[in-house]
Protein backbone atom coordinates (compact mmCIF):
# COMPACT_ATOMS: atom_id res chain seq x y z
CA SER A 1 0.00 0.00 0.00
CA GLY A 2 0.98 3.64 -0.37
CA VAL A 3 1.07 4.15 3.39
CA GLN A 4 3.44 1.23 3.91
CA GLU A 5 5.69 2.43 1.08
CA PHE A 6 5.75 5.94 2.57
CA LEU A 7 6.71 4.60 6.01
CA GLU A 8 9.55 2.59 4.47
CA LYS A 9 10.94 5.53 2.48
CA LYS A 10 10.38 8.52 4.76
CA GLU A 11 13.83 8.31 6.41
CA SER A 12 15.78 8.52 3.13
CA PRO A 13 15.46 11.88 1.33
CA GLY A 14 16.21 10.30 -2.05
CA GLU A 15 13.69 7.50 -1.71
CA LEU A 16 11.10 9.90 -0.27
CA ARG A 17 11.63 12.26 -3.24
CA THR A 18 11.05 9.37 -5.67
CA PHE A 19 7.90 8.29 -3.77
CA ILE A 20 6.44 11.81 -3.82
CA ASN A 21 7.29 12.33 -7.51
CA THR A 22 6.17 8.94 -8.84
CA PHE A 23 3.56 7.51 -6.46
CA LEU A 24 1.86 10.75 -5.46
CA GLY A 25 2.61 12.55 -8.73
CA GLU A 26 3.59 15.71 -6.87
CA PRO A 27 6.69 17.90 -7.23
CA TRP A 28 9.43 17.55 -4.62
CA VAL A 29 10.05 20.66 -2.51
CA GLU A 30 13.58 21.03 -1.12
CA GLN A 31 13.79 21.39 2.63
CA GLY A 32 15.63 24.25 4.24
CA GLU A 33 15.12 27.97 4.16
CA LYS A 34 15.25 29.16 0.59
CA PRO A 35 17.00 32.46 -0.04
CA ARG A 36 14.82 35.53 -0.30
CA ILE A 37 14.92 37.26 -3.68
CA GLU A 38 15.82 40.58 -2.03
CA THR A 39 18.90 39.02 -0.45
CA LEU A 40 19.99 37.53 -3.77
CA LEU A 41 19.47 40.82 -5.61
CA SER A 42 21.57 42.66 -3.00
CA ARG A 43 24.53 40.56 -4.19
CA GLU A 44 24.13 41.56 -7.85
CA ARG A 45 27.22 43.05 -9.42
CA ASP A 46 27.63 44.88 -12.70
CA TYR A 47 30.35 43.23 -14.78
CA HIS A 48 30.63 41.71 -18.23
CA ILE A 49 30.77 38.06 -19.29
CA GLY A 50 34.34 36.79 -19.21
CA THR A 51 35.43 39.36 -16.63
CA LEU A 52 35.26 39.93 -12.89
CA PRO A 53 34.05 42.93 -10.87
CA ASP A 54 36.77 45.53 -10.22
CA ASN A 55 36.92 44.75 -6.50
CA ALA A 56 36.99 40.94 -6.91
CA GLU A 57 39.89 39.09 -5.29
CA PRO A 58 39.69 35.61 -6.83
CA LEU A 59 41.85 32.77 -5.52
CA PHE A 60 41.05 30.12 -8.14
CA VAL A 61 38.67 29.14 -10.95
CA THR A 62 36.49 26.02 -11.23
CA ILE A 63 34.18 24.57 -13.85
CA GLY A 64 31.03 22.56 -13.25
CA ALA A 65 29.75 20.62 -16.27
CA ASP A 66 26.50 18.76 -16.90
CA VAL A 67 26.25 16.19 -19.70
CA GLN A 68 23.05 15.85 -21.73
CA ILE A 69 22.28 13.68 -24.78
CA ASP A 70 23.02 16.44 -27.32
CA ARG A 71 25.15 18.98 -25.42
CA ILE A 72 27.32 19.77 -22.44
CA GLU A 73 26.50 22.80 -20.31
CA CYS A 74 29.14 24.27 -18.03
CA GLU A 75 29.72 27.27 -15.82
CA VAL A 76 33.08 28.87 -15.10
CA VAL A 77 33.27 30.33 -11.59
CA ALA A 78 35.97 32.29 -9.76
CA TRP A 79 36.19 31.74 -6.00
CA GLY A 80 37.42 34.12 -3.30
CA ARG A 81 37.60 34.18 0.47
CA HIS A 82 34.58 33.30 2.61
CA MET A 83 33.05 31.28 -0.25
CA GLU A 84 32.47 34.41 -2.32
CA SER A 85 32.09 33.52 -5.98
CA TRP A 86 31.67 35.20 -9.35
CA SER A 87 30.22 33.59 -12.44
CA ILE A 88 32.62 34.29 -15.29
CA ASN A 89 30.86 32.53 -18.14
CA TYR A 90 28.28 29.88 -19.02
CA TYR A 91 28.66 27.66 -22.08
CA VAL A 92 26.23 25.42 -23.96
CA ILE A 93 28.35 23.18 -26.17
CA PRO A 94 26.28 21.18 -28.69
CA GLY A 95 27.27 17.73 -29.91
CA ASP A 96 26.82 13.98 -29.50
CA THR A 97 28.01 13.26 -25.96
CA GLU A 98 28.25 9.52 -26.62
CA ASP A 99 31.29 10.16 -28.85
CA LEU A 100 34.40 11.35 -26.97
CA ASP A 101 35.71 12.82 -30.26
CA SER A 102 32.59 14.95 -30.78
CA GLU A 103 32.51 18.72 -30.80
CA ALA A 104 30.83 18.65 -27.37
CA TRP A 105 33.78 17.00 -25.62
CA GLN A 106 36.34 18.90 -27.70
CA GLY A 107 34.60 22.15 -26.80
CA LEU A 108 34.58 21.30 -23.09
CA SER A 109 38.26 20.43 -23.31
CA GLU A 110 38.99 23.86 -24.83
CA VAL A 111 37.02 25.61 -22.08
CA ILE A 112 38.93 23.67 -19.40
CA GLN A 113 42.31 24.41 -20.95
CA GLY A 114 41.55 28.08 -21.58
CA GLU A 115 42.07 31.14 -19.43
CA HIS A 116 39.12 32.79 -17.75
CA ALA A 117 39.42 36.36 -16.48
CA GLY A 118 43.19 35.89 -16.65
CA MET A 119 43.25 32.64 -14.68
CA GLY A 120 43.61 28.97 -15.54
CA VAL A 121 41.19 26.34 -14.27
CA TYR A 122 42.09 24.75 -10.93
CA LEU A 123 39.42 22.02 -10.96
CA ALA A 124 36.65 20.89 -13.31
CA GLY A 125 33.84 18.63 -12.09
CA VAL A 126 31.86 16.76 -14.75
CA ASP A 127 28.57 15.15 -13.71
CA ALA A 128 28.88 11.41 -14.33
CA GLY A 129 25.18 10.66 -13.85
CA TYR A 130 24.70 10.42 -17.63
CA ARG A 131 27.18 8.95 -20.14
CA THR A 132 29.09 7.69 -17.10
CA ASP A 133 31.75 5.69 -18.95
CA VAL A 134 32.41 8.53 -21.40
CA VAL A 135 32.80 10.99 -18.50
CA TYR A 136 35.36 8.65 -16.88
CA GLN A 137 37.29 8.41 -20.16
CA PHE A 138 37.22 12.19 -20.55
CA ALA A 139 38.48 12.74 -17.00
CA ASP A 140 41.24 10.16 -17.49
CA SER A 141 42.49 12.11 -20.52
CA PHE A 142 43.59 14.91 -18.13
CA GLU A 143 46.28 14.69 -15.45
CA LYS A 144 44.31 15.73 -12.37
CA ILE A 145 42.30 18.82 -13.25
CA VAL A 146 39.07 16.98 -14.26
CA GLN A 147 37.07 14.86 -11.81
CA PRO A 148 33.90 12.89 -12.46
CA VAL A 149 31.19 13.94 -9.99
CA MET A 150 28.09 12.07 -8.82
CA GLY A 151 25.34 13.47 -6.60
CA TYR A 152 23.83 11.36 -3.83
CA ASP A 153 21.17 12.04 -1.22
CA GLU A 154 23.27 10.43 1.50
CA LEU A 155 26.90 9.37 1.75
CA GLU A 156 28.49 6.68 3.87
CA LYS A 157 28.96 7.40 7.55
CA GLY A 158 31.87 9.75 8.15
CA ALA A 159 31.57 11.55 4.80
CA ARG A 160 29.88 14.91 5.24
CA TYR A 161 29.79 16.79 1.91
CA ILE A 162 32.05 14.86 -0.44
CA LYS A 163 33.69 11.47 -0.66
CA PRO A 164 36.36 10.44 -3.18
CA THR A 165 35.45 7.05 -4.63
CA GLU A 166 37.76 4.76 -6.56
CA VAL A 167 36.26 3.67 -9.87
CA LYS A 168 37.21 0.26 -11.18
CA GLY A 169 38.92 0.57 -14.56
CA ALA A 170 39.36 4.36 -14.34
CA MET A 171 42.40 6.36 -13.28
CA SER A 172 40.32 9.24 -11.92
CA TYR A 173 38.57 9.12 -8.58
CA ARG A 174 34.90 10.04 -8.69
CA ILE A 175 33.83 12.74 -6.25
CA ASP A 176 30.53 11.77 -4.62
CA ILE A 177 28.59 14.76 -3.31
CA ASN A 178 25.89 14.84 -0.64
CA THR A 179 23.55 17.04 -2.69
CA ASP A 180 20.89 17.55 -0.01
CA LEU A 181 23.40 18.70 2.60
CA LEU A 182 25.20 20.88 0.08
CA LYS A 183 21.94 22.56 -1.02
CA GLN A 184 21.08 23.34 2.61
CA THR A 185 24.53 24.88 3.10
CA VAL A 186 24.23 26.95 -0.09
CA TYR A 187 20.77 28.17 1.00
CA ARG A 188 22.22 29.18 4.38
CA TYR A 189 25.03 31.18 2.72
CA LEU A 190 22.69 32.80 0.20
CA ASN A 191 20.45 34.02 3.01
CA LYS A 192 23.28 36.08 4.48
CA THR A 193 23.70 39.64 3.36
CA LYS A 194 26.77 40.39 1.28
CA TYR A 195 28.49 41.99 4.28
CA GLU A 196 28.30 38.96 6.58
CA ASP A 197 31.29 36.63 6.77
CA GLY A 198 31.09 32.85 7.09
């Protein structure tokens, strides 16, 4: 019955999300205090794509990439102290993501190897939830800069936000991320005004 299934799944956020989406046919609502639009708008800065605000003090640049059937989407972000960040650019790179030689993967490679606001990329995370084997092959084609990433609702005991996981047959470790905990943390930071530290 639906009640029994709910009772079995209510302790696991991932299983509960699936139950609510599929059995009840309702959208999942993330827990935690969502940021107010006024707070987000107070952080708005006026700067152009590919640049940083004049007063930015970036320490390093990362890329987060999501693989779809016909494209790869990625964001280039500069990071400063106290988790301050600036979006430098967002790319939509079309191509067949099943083929490692396609324009999609070649384009992502160029973005990773390029300079962004005068800085090289420190780390690139590529979501391995789709085209998993191709993502592992792509990551293995780089020394250390590219890591496959997989989101999970819960990680093993002792792992709080992330957990490096060895992947059989791949040189790269996959970085498993506790997405629910990370979203709650991001919401908490986004609810602070731009003048608060921490």
